[in-house]
Amino acid sequence: MTTRSQIGKIVDEVSKKLIDEGKLIEVGFYGYRRFVLPPNAPQIQIDECRWAFFAGAQHLFASIISIMDADAEPTANDLRRMDQIHAELQKFAKELELRVESKGKA
């Protein structure tokens, strides 16, 4: 049986590879589509959700870049802000996990 730690390592390796290929967000959307959208979703829904997914990713990345202090090394404020973003996204990830689990039981 695969442990969470092993899965985490695999996800990290795959994520690094996808970043190198410029496909991290695209593959993230594929996962979102697979686990969140209904299998019979019309193309317009898929297209609009992709726009929203990428817009959210672009907003987050642009926000992170703009809030970082100008120092060469991350400052305490930078790290605090990243922790806040992480906490917000972890809360959402738990909600998403519950949603996916409940769909699987239906």
Protein backbone atom coordinates (compact mmCIF):
# COMPACT_ATOMS: atom_id res chain seq x y z
CA MET A 1 0.00 0.00 0.00
CA THR A 2 1.28 3.45 -0.93
CA THR A 3 1.66 5.87 1.98
CA ARG A 4 0.78 9.56 1.96
CA SER A 5 4.49 10.32 2.22
CA GLN A 6 5.23 8.27 -0.89
CA ILE A 7 2.37 9.90 -2.76
CA GLY A 8 3.65 13.32 -1.67
CA LYS A 9 7.11 12.55 -3.08
CA ILE A 10 5.62 11.38 -6.37
CA VAL A 11 3.44 14.49 -6.62
CA ASP A 12 6.48 16.71 -5.92
CA GLU A 13 8.52 14.98 -8.64
CA VAL A 14 5.70 15.18 -11.17
CA SER A 15 5.03 18.83 -10.27
CA LYS A 16 8.68 19.76 -10.86
CA LYS A 17 8.61 18.00 -14.24
CA LEU A 18 5.37 19.75 -15.21
CA ILE A 19 6.76 23.15 -14.19
CA ASP A 20 9.85 22.48 -16.34
CA GLU A 21 7.52 21.67 -19.25
CA GLY A 22 5.27 24.69 -18.65
CA LYS A 23 2.24 22.47 -17.98
CA LEU A 24 1.61 22.63 -14.21
CA ILE A 25 -1.58 24.68 -14.36
CA GLU A 26 -2.92 22.88 -17.44
CA VAL A 27 -2.56 19.50 -15.74
CA GLY A 28 -4.05 20.98 -12.57
CA PHE A 29 -7.09 21.97 -14.59
CA TYR A 30 -7.29 18.44 -16.00
CA GLY A 31 -7.48 17.13 -12.41
CA TYR A 32 -10.11 19.73 -11.56
CA ARG A 33 -12.11 18.76 -14.63
CA ARG A 34 -11.85 15.06 -13.84
CA PHE A 35 -12.80 15.27 -10.18
CA VAL A 36 -15.11 18.30 -10.02
CA LEU A 37 -16.94 18.76 -13.30
CA PRO A 38 -19.65 16.30 -14.28
CA PRO A 39 -18.50 13.83 -16.96
CA ASN A 40 -21.20 15.09 -19.30
CA ALA A 41 -20.39 18.78 -18.83
CA PRO A 42 -21.01 20.75 -22.01
CA GLN A 43 -17.96 22.21 -23.76
CA ILE A 44 -19.00 25.77 -22.83
CA GLN A 45 -18.89 24.85 -19.13
CA ILE A 46 -15.48 23.22 -19.53
CA ASP A 47 -14.14 26.25 -21.43
CA GLU A 48 -15.50 28.77 -18.91
CA CYS A 49 -14.18 26.74 -15.96
CA ARG A 50 -10.75 26.61 -17.61
CA TRP A 51 -10.80 30.39 -17.96
CA ALA A 52 -11.72 30.76 -14.29
CA PHE A 53 -9.10 28.20 -13.21
CA PHE A 54 -6.30 29.94 -15.11
CA ALA A 55 -7.52 33.38 -14.01
CA GLY A 56 -7.29 32.27 -10.39
CA ALA A 57 -3.80 30.90 -10.93
CA GLN A 58 -2.70 34.07 -12.70
CA HIS A 59 -4.18 36.25 -9.96
CA LEU A 60 -2.42 34.30 -7.22
CA PHE A 61 0.94 34.28 -8.96
CA ALA A 62 0.79 37.99 -9.83
CA SER A 63 -0.23 38.76 -6.25
CA ILE A 64 2.66 36.75 -4.82
CA ILE A 65 5.14 38.52 -7.09
CA SER A 66 3.75 41.96 -6.19
CA ILE A 67 3.72 41.45 -2.39
CA MET A 68 7.27 40.20 -2.04
CA ASP A 69 9.59 42.69 -0.38
CA ALA A 70 12.35 44.06 -2.61
CA ASP A 71 15.17 42.36 -0.69
CA ALA A 72 17.10 39.64 -2.48
CA GLU A 73 16.22 37.08 0.19
CA PRO A 74 12.70 36.42 1.46
CA THR A 75 11.88 38.56 4.48
CA ALA A 76 9.86 37.62 7.55
CA ASN A 77 6.90 39.47 6.01
CA ASP A 78 7.28 37.52 2.76
CA LEU A 79 7.21 34.24 4.67
CA ARG A 80 4.22 35.34 6.76
CA ARG A 81 2.31 36.29 3.64
CA MET A 82 3.14 32.99 1.97
CA ASP A 83 1.97 31.17 5.12
CA GLN A 84 -1.33 33.06 4.94
CA ILE A 85 -1.80 32.10 1.29
CA HIS A 86 -0.88 28.51 2.13
CA ALA A 87 -3.42 28.40 4.99
CA GLU A 88 -6.17 29.81 2.77
CA LEU A 89 -5.48 27.27 0.05
CA GLN A 90 -5.22 24.39 2.53
CA LYS A 91 -8.68 25.29 3.83
CA PHE A 92 -10.00 25.20 0.27
CA ALA A 93 -8.18 21.92 -0.43
CA LYS A 94 -9.98 20.29 2.51
CA GLU A 95 -13.33 21.53 1.21
CA LEU A 96 -12.48 20.21 -2.26
CA GLU A 97 -11.41 16.85 -0.85
CA LEU A 98 -14.73 16.50 0.96
CA ARG A 99 -16.61 17.41 -2.21
CA VAL A 100 -14.70 14.88 -4.29
CA GLU A 101 -15.17 12.16 -1.66
CA SER A 102 -18.90 12.81 -1.43
CA LYS A 103 -19.24 12.61 -5.23
CA GLY A 104 -17.43 9.29 -5.20
CA LYS A 105 -19.93 7.87 -2.72
CA ALA A 106 -22.94 8.97 -4.77
